[in-house]
Protein backbone atom coordinates (compact mmCIF):
# COMPACT_ATOMS: atom_id res chain seq x y z
CA MET A 1 3.61 13.19 -37.00
CA PHE A 2 2.86 12.01 -40.65
CA TYR A 3 5.68 9.61 -40.41
CA TYR A 4 3.45 7.29 -38.62
CA LEU A 5 0.97 7.15 -41.36
CA HIS A 6 3.09 4.39 -43.06
CA LEU A 7 1.87 2.09 -40.28
CA LEU A 8 -1.71 2.25 -41.72
CA GLU A 9 -0.40 0.88 -45.23
CA ASN A 10 -2.33 -2.48 -44.65
CA VAL A 11 -5.39 -0.20 -44.70
CA PHE A 12 -4.45 2.04 -47.65
CA SER A 13 -1.36 0.80 -49.26
CA PRO A 14 -0.19 4.26 -50.81
CA LEU A 15 0.51 5.73 -47.29
CA ARG A 16 3.65 3.52 -47.02
CA VAL A 17 5.43 6.27 -49.01
CA PHE A 18 5.58 8.36 -45.77
CA GLN A 19 8.25 6.08 -44.44
CA TYR A 20 10.65 7.35 -47.15
CA VAL A 21 12.94 10.43 -46.24
CA THR A 22 12.72 11.71 -49.82
CA VAL A 23 8.87 12.04 -49.81
CA ARG A 24 8.80 13.69 -46.54
CA ALA A 25 11.48 15.97 -47.50
CA PHE A 26 9.64 17.02 -50.45
CA CYS A 27 6.43 17.36 -48.55
CA GLY A 28 8.47 19.47 -45.61
CA ALA A 29 9.64 21.88 -48.11
CA GLY A 30 6.01 22.32 -49.63
CA THR A 31 4.56 22.62 -46.26
CA SER A 32 6.93 25.37 -44.90
CA PHE A 33 6.62 27.19 -48.42
CA LEU A 34 2.90 27.42 -47.87
CA ILE A 35 2.95 28.27 -44.23
CA SER A 36 5.35 31.21 -45.33
CA LEU A 37 3.19 32.40 -48.04
CA LEU A 38 0.00 32.29 -45.92
CA LEU A 39 1.45 33.74 -42.73
CA GLY A 40 3.67 36.13 -44.65
CA PRO A 41 1.14 39.13 -44.81
CA VAL A 42 0.01 38.60 -41.43
CA ALA A 43 3.58 38.77 -40.08
CA ILE A 44 4.10 41.96 -42.04
CA ARG A 45 0.99 43.50 -40.64
CA TRP A 46 1.81 42.48 -37.07
CA LEU A 47 5.29 43.80 -37.18
CA ARG A 48 3.97 46.98 -38.59
CA PHE A 49 1.36 47.35 -35.92
CA LEU A 50 3.98 46.76 -33.34
CA SER A 51 6.24 49.36 -34.86
CA ILE A 52 9.22 47.01 -35.27
CA GLY A 53 11.00 48.34 -38.05
CA GLN A 54 14.40 48.52 -39.73
CA TYR A 55 16.84 51.23 -38.57
CA GLU A 56 19.43 52.32 -41.01
CA ARG A 57 22.61 53.81 -40.36
CA LYS A 58 23.13 57.58 -40.92
CA ALA A 59 24.04 59.08 -44.31
CA THR A 60 26.79 60.80 -42.63
CA GLU A 61 28.69 57.58 -42.10
CA SER A 62 28.68 56.80 -45.82
CA PRO A 63 27.05 57.88 -48.92
CA LEU A 64 25.80 54.58 -49.46
CA TYR A 65 23.55 54.62 -46.44
CA ALA A 66 21.81 57.94 -47.99
CA GLN A 67 20.66 55.33 -50.92
CA LYS A 68 19.16 53.04 -48.30
CA ALA A 69 17.32 55.62 -46.29
CA HIS A 70 13.76 54.54 -47.93
CA LYS A 71 14.42 51.03 -46.19
CA GLU A 72 14.28 52.50 -42.77
CA GLY A 73 10.88 51.58 -41.03
CA THR A 74 10.56 48.34 -43.20
CA PRO A 75 9.37 45.46 -40.82
CA THR A 76 12.27 43.37 -39.36
CA MET A 77 12.46 40.36 -37.12
CA GLY A 78 10.88 38.28 -40.06
CA GLY A 79 12.93 35.54 -39.00
CA PHE A 80 10.04 34.62 -36.69
CA LEU A 81 8.22 33.66 -39.99
CA ILE A 82 11.30 31.45 -40.94
CA ILE A 83 11.56 29.66 -37.68
CA ALA A 84 7.71 29.21 -37.27
CA SER A 85 7.33 27.62 -40.81
CA MET A 86 10.43 25.40 -40.45
CA SER A 87 9.35 24.25 -37.03
CA ILE A 88 5.85 23.36 -37.75
CA SER A 89 7.05 21.60 -40.96
CA VAL A 90 9.70 19.62 -39.13
CA LEU A 91 7.47 18.52 -36.40
CA LEU A 92 4.94 17.39 -39.02
CA TRP A 93 7.21 15.45 -41.25
CA ALA A 94 10.51 14.41 -39.59
CA GLN A 95 10.67 11.05 -37.57
CA PRO A 96 9.67 11.59 -33.95
CA GLY A 97 12.44 11.13 -31.60
CA ASN A 98 15.37 11.66 -33.73
CA ALA A 99 18.14 13.19 -31.59
CA LEU A 100 19.96 15.05 -34.50
CA VAL A 101 16.76 16.64 -35.91
CA ALA A 102 15.98 17.82 -32.16
CA LEU A 103 19.46 19.29 -31.59
CA THR A 104 19.23 21.04 -34.83
CA LEU A 105 15.90 22.27 -34.17
CA ALA A 106 16.77 23.43 -30.70
CA THR A 107 19.83 25.30 -32.34
CA LEU A 108 17.39 26.97 -34.90
CA CYS A 109 15.12 28.34 -31.99
CA TYR A 110 17.96 29.39 -29.55
CA MET A 111 19.90 31.16 -32.05
CA GLY A 112 16.62 32.66 -32.99
CA LEU A 113 16.12 34.07 -29.43
CA VAL A 114 19.70 35.65 -29.27
CA GLY A 115 18.87 37.30 -32.65
CA PHE A 116 15.53 38.30 -31.32
CA TRP A 117 17.07 39.98 -28.43
CA ASP A 118 19.66 41.79 -30.65
CA ASP A 119 16.70 43.10 -32.91
CA TYR A 120 14.67 44.16 -29.91
CA MET A 121 17.53 46.17 -28.60
CA LYS A 122 17.87 47.92 -31.97
CA THR A 123 14.15 48.71 -31.77
CA GLU A 124 14.08 50.01 -28.25
CA ARG A 125 17.35 52.17 -28.95
CA LYS A 126 15.82 53.30 -32.30
CA GLN A 127 19.36 52.59 -33.77
CA SER A 128 21.27 49.96 -36.10
CA ARG A 129 23.39 48.78 -33.03
CA GLY A 130 21.73 46.26 -30.91
CA MET A 131 23.46 43.86 -28.20
CA ARG A 132 27.22 44.35 -27.38
CA PRO A 133 29.00 42.21 -29.57
CA ARG A 134 30.93 40.38 -26.74
CA GLY A 135 27.57 39.57 -25.20
CA LYS A 136 26.17 38.02 -28.13
CA LEU A 137 29.37 36.10 -28.93
CA LEU A 138 29.31 34.63 -25.43
CA LEU A 139 25.88 33.34 -25.80
CA GLN A 140 26.61 31.81 -29.22
CA ILE A 141 29.80 30.00 -27.79
CA VAL A 142 27.80 28.63 -24.69
CA TRP A 143 25.51 26.89 -27.31
CA GLY A 144 28.24 25.81 -29.33
CA LEU A 145 29.63 23.88 -26.35
CA LEU A 146 26.60 22.50 -25.42
CA VAL A 147 26.22 21.15 -29.24
CA ALA A 148 29.82 19.75 -28.84
CA CYS A 149 28.81 17.94 -25.65
CA VAL A 150 25.91 16.34 -27.13
CA LEU A 151 27.30 15.37 -30.46
CA MET A 152 30.25 13.36 -28.44
CA ILE A 153 27.61 11.88 -26.14
CA LEU A 154 24.86 10.98 -28.62
CA PRO A 155 25.35 7.07 -29.90
CA GLU A 156 24.91 8.30 -33.61
CA THR A 157 27.83 10.64 -33.58
CA THR A 158 29.93 9.78 -30.55
CA GLY A 159 32.23 7.62 -32.91
CA THR A 160 32.74 10.41 -35.43
CA ALA A 161 32.38 13.84 -33.32
CA ARG A 162 36.07 13.81 -32.83
CA SER A 163 37.44 13.03 -36.30
CA LEU A 164 38.05 15.51 -38.92
CA MET A 165 36.92 14.90 -42.44
CA VAL A 166 38.01 17.09 -45.48
CA PRO A 167 36.84 16.99 -49.16
CA PHE A 168 38.24 14.75 -51.64
CA LEU A 169 39.68 12.46 -49.03
CA LYS A 170 38.07 9.05 -48.57
CA ASP A 171 39.19 8.60 -44.97
CA PRO A 172 39.49 11.10 -42.01
CA LEU A 173 42.46 13.50 -42.12
CA ILE A 174 42.55 13.19 -38.25
CA ARG A 175 40.74 10.27 -36.61
CA ASP A 176 40.90 11.77 -33.10
CA LEU A 177 41.26 15.43 -32.68
CA GLY A 178 40.99 15.02 -28.60
CA VAL A 179 37.93 16.34 -26.70
CA LEU A 180 39.16 19.99 -26.32
CA VAL A 181 40.05 20.54 -30.05
CA ALA A 182 36.99 18.76 -31.21
CA ALA A 183 34.81 21.04 -29.11
CA LEU A 184 36.80 24.12 -30.21
CA LEU A 185 35.86 22.96 -33.88
CA VAL A 186 32.23 22.70 -33.09
CA ILE A 187 32.17 26.02 -31.34
CA VAL A 188 33.94 27.71 -34.34
CA VAL A 189 31.58 26.10 -36.80
CA VAL A 190 28.35 27.15 -35.02
CA VAL A 191 29.41 30.56 -34.25
CA GLY A 192 31.13 31.12 -37.46
CA ALA A 193 28.25 29.94 -39.53
CA SER A 194 25.60 31.85 -37.65
CA ASN A 195 27.54 35.25 -38.01
CA ALA A 196 28.68 34.54 -41.54
CA VAL A 197 24.99 34.46 -42.48
CA ASN A 198 24.23 37.32 -40.40
CA LEU A 199 27.01 39.58 -42.14
CA THR A 200 25.61 38.48 -45.68
CA ASP A 201 22.19 39.82 -44.73
CA GLY A 202 22.61 43.19 -46.06
CA LEU A 203 20.74 43.33 -49.27
CA ASP A 204 17.09 42.33 -50.19
CA GLY A 205 16.88 38.61 -50.70
CA LEU A 206 20.83 37.99 -50.68
CA ALA A 207 21.21 35.85 -47.36
CA ILE A 208 17.84 33.94 -47.67
CA GLY A 209 18.47 33.09 -51.25
CA CYS A 210 22.13 31.87 -50.61
CA SER A 211 20.72 29.93 -47.58
CA GLY A 212 18.24 28.10 -49.78
CA SER A 213 21.14 26.58 -52.10
CA VAL A 214 22.95 25.69 -49.16
CA ALA A 215 20.02 23.94 -47.79
CA LEU A 216 19.52 21.91 -50.83
CA SER A 217 23.13 20.93 -51.00
CA TYR A 218 23.00 19.63 -47.48
CA LEU A 219 19.63 17.79 -48.12
CA ILE A 220 21.68 15.71 -50.50
CA LEU A 221 24.59 15.32 -48.21
CA ALA A 222 22.40 14.46 -45.27
CA TYR A 223 20.52 11.78 -47.10
CA VAL A 224 23.72 10.18 -48.45
CA ALA A 225 25.22 10.28 -44.82
CA GLY A 226 22.19 8.47 -43.44
CA HIS A 227 21.90 5.71 -46.31
CA PHE A 228 24.42 2.92 -45.52
CA SER A 229 24.80 1.74 -49.05
CA PHE A 230 25.37 5.26 -50.46
CA ALA A 231 27.80 6.17 -47.56
CA SER A 232 29.76 3.14 -48.14
CA TYR A 233 29.70 3.58 -51.92
CA LEU A 234 30.88 7.13 -51.97
CA ARG A 235 33.15 6.65 -48.87
CA VAL A 236 31.66 9.22 -46.54
CA PRO A 237 30.87 8.47 -42.91
CA TYR A 238 27.85 6.69 -42.23
CA ILE A 239 25.74 8.57 -39.52
CA SER A 240 22.70 6.59 -38.24
CA GLY A 241 19.55 8.64 -38.49
CA SER A 242 21.11 11.54 -40.16
CA SER A 243 18.94 11.02 -43.38
CA GLU A 244 16.19 12.68 -41.19
CA LEU A 245 18.34 15.92 -41.34
CA ALA A 246 17.30 15.74 -45.04
CA VAL A 247 13.92 16.38 -44.06
CA PHE A 248 15.03 19.26 -41.90
CA CYS A 249 16.82 20.84 -44.93
CA GLY A 250 13.92 20.29 -47.22
CA CYS A 251 11.88 22.33 -44.68
CA MET A 252 14.50 24.95 -44.59
CA LEU A 253 14.55 25.18 -48.38
CA GLY A 254 10.75 25.49 -48.51
CA SER A 255 10.84 28.23 -45.66
CA CYS A 256 13.68 30.20 -47.53
CA LEU A 257 11.69 30.12 -50.81
CA GLY A 258 8.61 31.49 -49.05
CA PHE A 259 10.33 34.05 -47.12
CA LEU A 260 11.99 35.21 -50.20
CA TRP A 261 8.69 35.94 -51.72
CA PHE A 262 8.40 38.84 -49.31
CA ASN A 263 12.15 39.88 -49.05
CA CYS A 264 12.98 39.94 -52.72
CA HIS A 265 13.63 43.45 -53.95
CA PRO A 266 12.09 45.79 -52.86
CA ALA A 267 11.80 43.85 -49.63
CA HIS A 268 8.42 43.97 -47.45
CA MET A 269 10.23 42.41 -44.68
CA PHE A 270 13.59 41.60 -43.18
CA MET A 271 14.70 38.60 -41.44
CA GLY A 272 16.88 40.49 -38.98
CA ASP A 273 19.28 38.79 -36.79
CA THR A 274 16.30 36.67 -35.43
CA GLY A 275 16.57 34.80 -38.89
CA SER A 276 20.09 35.04 -40.01
CA LEU A 277 21.72 33.71 -36.74
CA ALA A 278 19.19 30.99 -36.60
CA LEU A 279 19.74 29.81 -40.20
CA GLY A 280 23.45 30.12 -39.75
CA GLY A 281 23.40 28.06 -36.44
CA ALA A 282 21.11 25.48 -38.06
CA ILE A 283 23.29 24.91 -40.93
CA GLY A 284 26.48 24.75 -38.89
CA VAL A 285 25.01 22.02 -36.65
CA ILE A 286 23.83 19.98 -39.83
CA ALA A 287 27.20 20.11 -41.22
CA LEU A 288 28.81 19.02 -37.96
CA ALA A 289 26.59 16.06 -37.49
CA ILE A 290 27.16 14.69 -40.86
CA LYS A 291 30.85 15.45 -40.58
CA GLN A 292 31.04 17.78 -43.56
CA GLU A 293 31.85 20.94 -41.68
CA VAL A 294 34.84 21.60 -43.70
CA LEU A 295 32.87 21.33 -46.94
CA LEU A 296 30.70 24.14 -45.52
CA MET A 297 33.39 26.43 -46.71
CA ILE A 298 32.81 25.31 -50.23
CA VAL A 299 29.04 24.98 -50.04
CA GLY A 300 28.56 28.04 -48.24
CA GLY A 301 31.30 30.07 -50.26
CA VAL A 302 29.32 33.30 -50.53
CA PHE A 303 29.09 33.30 -46.54
CA VAL A 304 32.67 32.69 -46.28
CA ILE A 305 33.68 35.41 -48.80
CA GLU A 306 31.33 37.91 -46.92
CA ALA A 307 32.85 37.02 -43.48
CA ALA A 308 36.41 37.13 -44.75
CA SER A 309 35.87 40.40 -46.40
CA VAL A 310 35.11 41.72 -42.84
CA ILE A 311 37.96 40.24 -41.36
CA ILE A 312 40.40 41.39 -43.94
CA GLN A 313 38.97 44.95 -43.85
CA VAL A 314 39.34 45.18 -40.19
CA LEU A 315 42.78 43.77 -39.99
CA SER A 316 44.03 45.92 -42.93
CA PHE A 317 42.71 49.22 -41.29
CA LYS A 318 44.24 48.35 -38.00
CA LEU A 319 47.67 47.11 -39.24
CA THR A 320 48.20 49.56 -42.14
CA GLY A 321 45.45 52.01 -41.63
CA LYS A 322 44.11 51.35 -45.19
CA ARG A 323 41.06 49.75 -46.41
CA VAL A 324 41.22 46.72 -49.06
CA PHE A 325 37.62 47.13 -49.95
CA ALA A 326 35.53 50.31 -50.47
CA MET A 327 33.21 49.00 -47.90
CA ALA A 328 32.63 45.79 -46.09
CA PRO A 329 30.88 43.31 -46.14
CA ILE A 330 32.06 42.89 -49.72
CA HIS A 331 28.52 43.14 -51.12
CA HIS A 332 28.68 46.76 -50.35
CA HIS A 333 31.92 47.04 -52.11
CA PHE A 334 30.21 46.32 -55.33
CA GLU A 335 27.49 48.56 -54.48
CA MET A 336 30.02 51.34 -53.96
CA ARG A 337 31.43 50.37 -57.35
CA LYS A 338 27.91 51.13 -59.20
CA TRP A 339 26.51 47.72 -59.18
CA SER A 340 22.77 47.79 -58.54
CA GLU A 341 21.35 45.97 -55.53
CA THR A 342 19.61 43.37 -57.70
CA GLN A 343 22.73 42.80 -59.80
CA VAL A 344 24.82 42.13 -56.53
CA THR A 345 22.21 39.81 -55.17
CA VAL A 346 21.50 37.73 -58.27
CA ARG A 347 25.22 37.43 -59.05
CA PHE A 348 25.85 36.33 -55.53
CA TRP A 349 22.99 33.81 -55.92
CA ILE A 350 24.63 32.31 -59.11
CA LEU A 351 27.82 32.13 -57.05
CA SER A 352 26.21 30.44 -54.27
CA ILE A 353 24.37 27.81 -56.43
CA ILE A 354 27.93 27.14 -58.22
CA CYS A 355 29.47 26.51 -54.85
CA ALA A 356 26.57 24.34 -53.80
CA LEU A 357 26.89 22.21 -56.95
CA ILE A 358 30.83 21.89 -56.26
CA GLY A 359 30.02 20.75 -52.88
CA VAL A 360 27.94 17.94 -53.85
CA LEU A 361 30.41 16.90 -56.69
CA THR A 362 33.17 16.51 -54.02
CA LEU A 363 31.06 13.24 -52.97
CA LYS A 364 32.30 11.59 -56.15
CA ILE A 365 35.66 13.16 -56.25
CA ARG A 366 37.44 11.13 -53.56
């Protein structure tokens, strides 16, 4: 909406700044942050009124759960605040009619609805298990397939959707994966990213803090991909209109910081699957749109480690009957090793920031 203010520069010349992506990304971040701060207390009271609280696993399952019993009843589904603040800010500051922004925003909302249903089932059943894993996975796969189809059809991405870019290489590793393999890649990234963020969301402030550093990194990457001169100089795929995703990332960053205000230890509100699936799905689509999906494994290093720890733990137990970690995801492993919750969270934030910086640095190392 505010993008069109630059058309009035003849009336008031400073209004021309609203045509610049950098200005609108900064304003979007500030807007979503302020919305989160203002609506946060309202959201907490509303969730408490509706008795939508967290349900922790029983202490009999693990000694660690006994330490977390005090968290039971803390308002969850706070992801609605993230989605609302981001959506309002994106609609205010992103260029209207941008197909890539529309696709990413739709992914945010769709994955948020999937997460909402999972959280709702937990609330109804009054236990920590919600939807059946297969049902939730199927809903994610269906959306991933839709995203693949859209990316292959859109004029902005049809030329790059089937290629495979990897860090440190100037040219695509594979120029044409074929329709089926390319679609499978999109599904893996969308489903993998959403579930990886979901698995990371186990400690106060952990997932939302790491999401913020990833959002900042992809803000830079999206801006470069949408700027012809920068993309040509750094030898990355130029994606017309993708610079508007930098505005989306700015809104995501502001929303993450605003939600962290209420989610830091001790948390007054949890994002639940409503927020974690939404954030992960949106990050995955952004990475796919600008052809930096493989780089997401570096930028989102903490998310990858968390997901890998679960996979390793499950495979090891099924194949050998032994567990590699004291508990999975890996943040619980460190808790079992007597790290405090704050220590684990802050140290993982540090790792996430380092991973994000390395991801941006790869732009120059090609």
